Structure formats: C-alpha cells, structure tokens
Amino acid sequence: MVATFSELRALPGMDDTLLTAGCPTRVVLDHVTSRWGVLVVLSLTNGTHRWSELRRAVDGISEKMLASTLRQLQADGLVDRVAHPVIPPHVEYSLTSRGEELAGVLLPLVEWSARHSAEILASA
C-alpha cells in the first residue's frame, strides 16, 4: 500500500513545508533522483566498481558528470570511495548502507519505468 501525501506529512520530520521551495527534502531528492544519480546508484547495486567500470556501465555519462555525481553521492553518504595507495591509482566505489537502502527504494521505480516505458513513449 502506498502512503498518501497526508500520511507522508505525518511522519517524523515531515510537515506542511514538504512541497515548499526551501524544504531540505527537495535538495536530497535532487541529488538522489537526478538522471545520473539514479543510474550510478543502480550500477553500484552489483557491488564495488572502479571508475572505468562505472563509466562503461552508465552509458552516455561524461567523465565530468560521473566525477560530479560520485562526489555528490559520496558527500551525501550514499557512496563510499576507497583509494588504494598504489601506482597507478586504484579507486573503488561502493554503496554505503544508506545507499543500499536508497537502491532498494529506487529499484521498484526503475522496474515500473521498464514495464510502462513502451506504452508511455508510444502515447507521447
């Protein structure tokens, strides 16, 4: 059962400001539901990846956008970055426990999108 907006507003930390411009929820939603943010998080559900693996997994993302997205997701505590002290540099990215929780919420949305994409695109 999906919560209604009224039920959502009743949760701790939620109130009538949820849809206002200054609501912190908007900032978090912008980070985690951005085009590239969703795809990077989904790519990391398969486990730890190096930079080049992520770049190949998220087709179409530029190096600049991948770097920016990974920095933001790391700053938000969703992605963990481990730099191994070797030459050449070896950096690995993985989901934190918060990132894994987010992936669990995003996966049903992506599944829904896959199920309905053909009919939605056909009607556009």
C-alpha atoms as a PDB file:
ATOM      1  CA  MET A   1       0.000   0.000   0.000  1.00  0.00           C
ATOM      2  CA  VAL A   2       1.341   3.406  -0.974  1.00  0.00           C
ATOM      3  CA  ALA A   3       1.197   6.186   1.586  1.00  0.00           C
ATOM      4  CA  THR A   4      -0.867   9.231   0.734  1.00  0.00           C
ATOM      5  CA  PHE A   5       0.682  12.673   0.842  1.00  0.00           C
ATOM      6  CA  SER A   6      -1.232  13.368   4.065  1.00  0.00           C
ATOM      7  CA  GLU A   7       0.190  10.207   5.636  1.00  0.00           C
ATOM      8  CA  LEU A   8       3.679  11.157   4.477  1.00  0.00           C
ATOM      9  CA  ARG A   9       3.405  14.585   6.084  1.00  0.00           C
ATOM     10  CA  ALA A  10       2.506  12.888   9.383  1.00  0.00           C
ATOM     11  CA  LEU A  11       5.881  11.105   9.539  1.00  0.00           C
ATOM     12  CA  PRO A  12       8.557  12.429  11.946  1.00  0.00           C
ATOM     13  CA  GLY A  13      10.476  15.275  10.338  1.00  0.00           C
ATOM     14  CA  MET A  14       7.776  15.927   7.747  1.00  0.00           C
ATOM     15  CA  ASP A  15       5.333  18.804   7.849  1.00  0.00           C
ATOM     16  CA  ASP A  16       3.447  21.256   5.646  1.00  0.00           C
ATOM     17  CA  THR A  17       6.730  22.634   4.240  1.00  0.00           C
ATOM     18  CA  LEU A  18       7.402  19.418   2.292  1.00  0.00           C
ATOM     19  CA  LEU A  19       6.497  20.979  -1.055  1.00  0.00           C
ATOM     20  CA  THR A  20       7.835  24.476  -0.383  1.00  0.00           C
ATOM     21  CA  ALA A  21      10.882  25.848  -2.166  1.00  0.00           C
ATOM     22  CA  GLY A  22      13.006  25.934   0.993  1.00  0.00           C
ATOM     23  CA  CYS A  23      12.355  22.345   2.072  1.00  0.00           C
ATOM     24  CA  PRO A  24      15.598  20.351   2.584  1.00  0.00           C
ATOM     25  CA  THR A  25      13.824  17.310   1.141  1.00  0.00           C
ATOM     26  CA  ARG A  26      13.999  18.945  -2.278  1.00  0.00           C
ATOM     27  CA  VAL A  27      17.783  19.148  -2.119  1.00  0.00           C
ATOM     28  CA  VAL A  28      18.065  15.465  -1.228  1.00  0.00           C
ATOM     29  CA  LEU A  29      15.559  14.480  -3.918  1.00  0.00           C
ATOM     30  CA  ASP A  30      17.515  16.489  -6.494  1.00  0.00           C
ATOM     31  CA  HIS A  31      20.673  14.566  -5.598  1.00  0.00           C
ATOM     32  CA  VAL A  32      19.256  11.056  -5.495  1.00  0.00           C
ATOM     33  CA  THR A  33      16.800  11.292  -8.373  1.00  0.00           C
ATOM     34  CA  SER A  34      18.972  13.142 -10.840  1.00  0.00           C
ATOM     35  CA  ARG A  35      19.361  11.435 -14.204  1.00  0.00           C
ATOM     36  CA  TRP A  36      22.898  10.285 -13.496  1.00  0.00           C
ATOM     37  CA  GLY A  37      22.483   9.791  -9.741  1.00  0.00           C
ATOM     38  CA  VAL A  38      19.860   7.084 -10.203  1.00  0.00           C
ATOM     39  CA  LEU A  39      21.945   5.288 -12.833  1.00  0.00           C
ATOM     40  CA  VAL A  40      25.144   5.387 -10.786  1.00  0.00           C
ATOM     41  CA  VAL A  41      23.358   4.094  -7.685  1.00  0.00           C
ATOM     42  CA  LEU A  42      21.763   1.299  -9.733  1.00  0.00           C
ATOM     43  CA  SER A  43      25.141   0.384 -11.230  1.00  0.00           C
ATOM     44  CA  LEU A  44      26.612   0.047  -7.757  1.00  0.00           C
ATOM     45  CA  THR A  45      23.905  -2.394  -6.661  1.00  0.00           C
ATOM     46  CA  ASN A  46      26.052  -5.060  -8.355  1.00  0.00           C
ATOM     47  CA  GLY A  47      28.877  -4.389  -5.896  1.00  0.00           C
ATOM     48  CA  THR A  48      32.097  -2.419  -5.857  1.00  0.00           C
ATOM     49  CA  HIS A  49      33.251  -0.851  -9.136  1.00  0.00           C
ATOM     50  CA  ARG A  50      36.246   1.076 -10.350  1.00  0.00           C
ATOM     51  CA  TRP A  51      35.884   4.367 -12.225  1.00  0.00           C
ATOM     52  CA  SER A  52      36.250   2.829 -15.677  1.00  0.00           C
ATOM     53  CA  GLU A  53      33.702   0.119 -14.865  1.00  0.00           C
ATOM     54  CA  LEU A  54      31.167   2.749 -13.816  1.00  0.00           C
ATOM     55  CA  ARG A  55      31.877   4.806 -16.916  1.00  0.00           C
ATOM     56  CA  ARG A  56      31.134   1.774 -19.108  1.00  0.00           C
ATOM     57  CA  ALA A  57      28.086   0.743 -17.045  1.00  0.00           C
ATOM     58  CA  VAL A  58      26.433   4.172 -17.237  1.00  0.00           C
ATOM     59  CA  ASP A  59      26.400   4.598 -20.995  1.00  0.00           C
ATOM     60  CA  GLY A  60      26.476   8.208 -22.146  1.00  0.00           C
ATOM     61  CA  ILE A  61      27.772   9.795 -18.943  1.00  0.00           C
ATOM     62  CA  SER A  62      30.704  12.152 -19.416  1.00  0.00           C
ATOM     63  CA  GLU A  63      33.771  11.990 -17.199  1.00  0.00           C
ATOM     64  CA  LYS A  64      32.830  15.380 -15.744  1.00  0.00           C
ATOM     65  CA  MET A  65      29.295  14.251 -14.867  1.00  0.00           C
ATOM     66  CA  LEU A  66      30.494  10.946 -13.422  1.00  0.00           C
ATOM     67  CA  ALA A  67      33.008  12.761 -11.226  1.00  0.00           C
ATOM     68  CA  SER A  68      30.421  15.319 -10.125  1.00  0.00           C
ATOM     69  CA  THR A  69      27.762  12.682  -9.451  1.00  0.00           C
ATOM     70  CA  LEU A  70      30.124  10.465  -7.476  1.00  0.00           C
ATOM     71  CA  ARG A  71      31.329  13.443  -5.401  1.00  0.00           C
ATOM     72  CA  GLN A  72      27.734  14.426  -4.591  1.00  0.00           C
ATOM     73  CA  LEU A  73      26.650  10.887  -3.726  1.00  0.00           C
ATOM     74  CA  GLN A  74      29.745  10.479  -1.555  1.00  0.00           C
ATOM     75  CA  ALA A  75      29.094  13.806   0.215  1.00  0.00           C
ATOM     76  CA  ASP A  76      25.519  12.641   0.864  1.00  0.00           C
ATOM     77  CA  GLY A  77      26.802   9.445   2.478  1.00  0.00           C
ATOM     78  CA  LEU A  78      25.383   7.201  -0.245  1.00  0.00           C
ATOM     79  CA  VAL A  79      28.618   6.112  -1.938  1.00  0.00           C
ATOM     80  CA  ASP A  80      31.888   5.068  -0.376  1.00  0.00           C
ATOM     81  CA  ARG A  81      35.176   5.854  -2.159  1.00  0.00           C
ATOM     82  CA  VAL A  82      38.308   3.869  -1.334  1.00  0.00           C
ATOM     83  CA  ALA A  83      41.604   4.970  -2.862  1.00  0.00           C
ATOM     84  CA  HIS A  84      44.281   2.296  -2.661  1.00  0.00           C
ATOM     85  CA  PRO A  85      47.842   3.692  -2.313  1.00  0.00           C
ATOM     86  CA  VAL A  86      49.296   2.054  -5.425  1.00  0.00           C
ATOM     87  CA  ILE A  87      50.663   3.214  -8.751  1.00  0.00           C
ATOM     88  CA  PRO A  88      48.731   3.584 -10.962  1.00  0.00           C
ATOM     89  CA  PRO A  89      45.914   4.826  -8.692  1.00  0.00           C
ATOM     90  CA  HIS A  90      43.245   2.280  -7.866  1.00  0.00           C
ATOM     91  CA  VAL A  91      39.960   3.781  -6.646  1.00  0.00           C
ATOM     92  CA  GLU A  92      36.856   1.770  -5.884  1.00  0.00           C
ATOM     93  CA  TYR A  93      33.284   2.917  -5.330  1.00  0.00           C
ATOM     94  CA  SER A  94      30.525   1.093  -3.482  1.00  0.00           C
ATOM     95  CA  LEU A  95      27.199   1.839  -1.849  1.00  0.00           C
ATOM     96  CA  THR A  96      27.095   2.633   1.842  1.00  0.00           C
ATOM     97  CA  SER A  97      24.296   1.134   3.929  1.00  0.00           C
ATOM     98  CA  ARG A  98      22.286   4.314   3.291  1.00  0.00           C
ATOM     99  CA  GLY A  99      22.990   3.948  -0.438  1.00  0.00           C
ATOM    100  CA  GLU A 100      21.819   0.332  -0.335  1.00  0.00           C
ATOM    101  CA  GLU A 101      18.616   1.467   1.355  1.00  0.00           C
ATOM    102  CA  LEU A 102      18.140   4.080  -1.366  1.00  0.00           C
ATOM    103  CA  ALA A 103      18.731   1.471  -4.089  1.00  0.00           C
ATOM    104  CA  GLY A 104      16.007  -0.661  -2.524  1.00  0.00           C
ATOM    105  CA  VAL A 105      13.597   2.245  -2.946  1.00  0.00           C
ATOM    106  CA  LEU A 106      14.759   3.125  -6.476  1.00  0.00           C
ATOM    107  CA  LEU A 107      14.584  -0.400  -7.894  1.00  0.00           C
ATOM    108  CA  PRO A 108      10.748  -0.573  -7.840  1.00  0.00           C
ATOM    109  CA  LEU A 109      10.623   2.806  -9.618  1.00  0.00           C
ATOM    110  CA  VAL A 110      13.011   1.570 -12.300  1.00  0.00           C
ATOM    111  CA  GLU A 111      11.053  -1.679 -12.643  1.00  0.00           C
ATOM    112  CA  TRP A 112       7.833   0.318 -13.047  1.00  0.00           C
ATOM    113  CA  SER A 113       9.535   2.506 -15.673  1.00  0.00           C
ATOM    114  CA  ALA A 114      10.701  -0.556 -17.610  1.00  0.00           C
ATOM    115  CA  ARG A 115       7.219  -2.121 -17.528  1.00  0.00           C
ATOM    116  CA  HIS A 116       5.499   1.013 -18.801  1.00  0.00           C
ATOM    117  CA  SER A 117       8.119   2.726 -20.953  1.00  0.00           C
ATOM    118  CA  ALA A 118       6.909   1.378 -24.295  1.00  0.00           C
ATOM    119  CA  GLU A 119       3.290   2.451 -23.781  1.00  0.00           C
ATOM    120  CA  ILE A 120       4.254   5.830 -22.334  1.00  0.00           C
ATOM    121  CA  LEU A 121       6.637   6.601 -25.189  1.00  0.00           C
ATOM    122  CA  ALA A 122       4.083   5.418 -27.736  1.00  0.00           C
ATOM    123  CA  SER A 123       1.496   7.856 -26.387  1.00  0.00           C
ATOM    124  CA  ALA A 124       3.834  10.844 -26.377  1.00  0.00           C
END
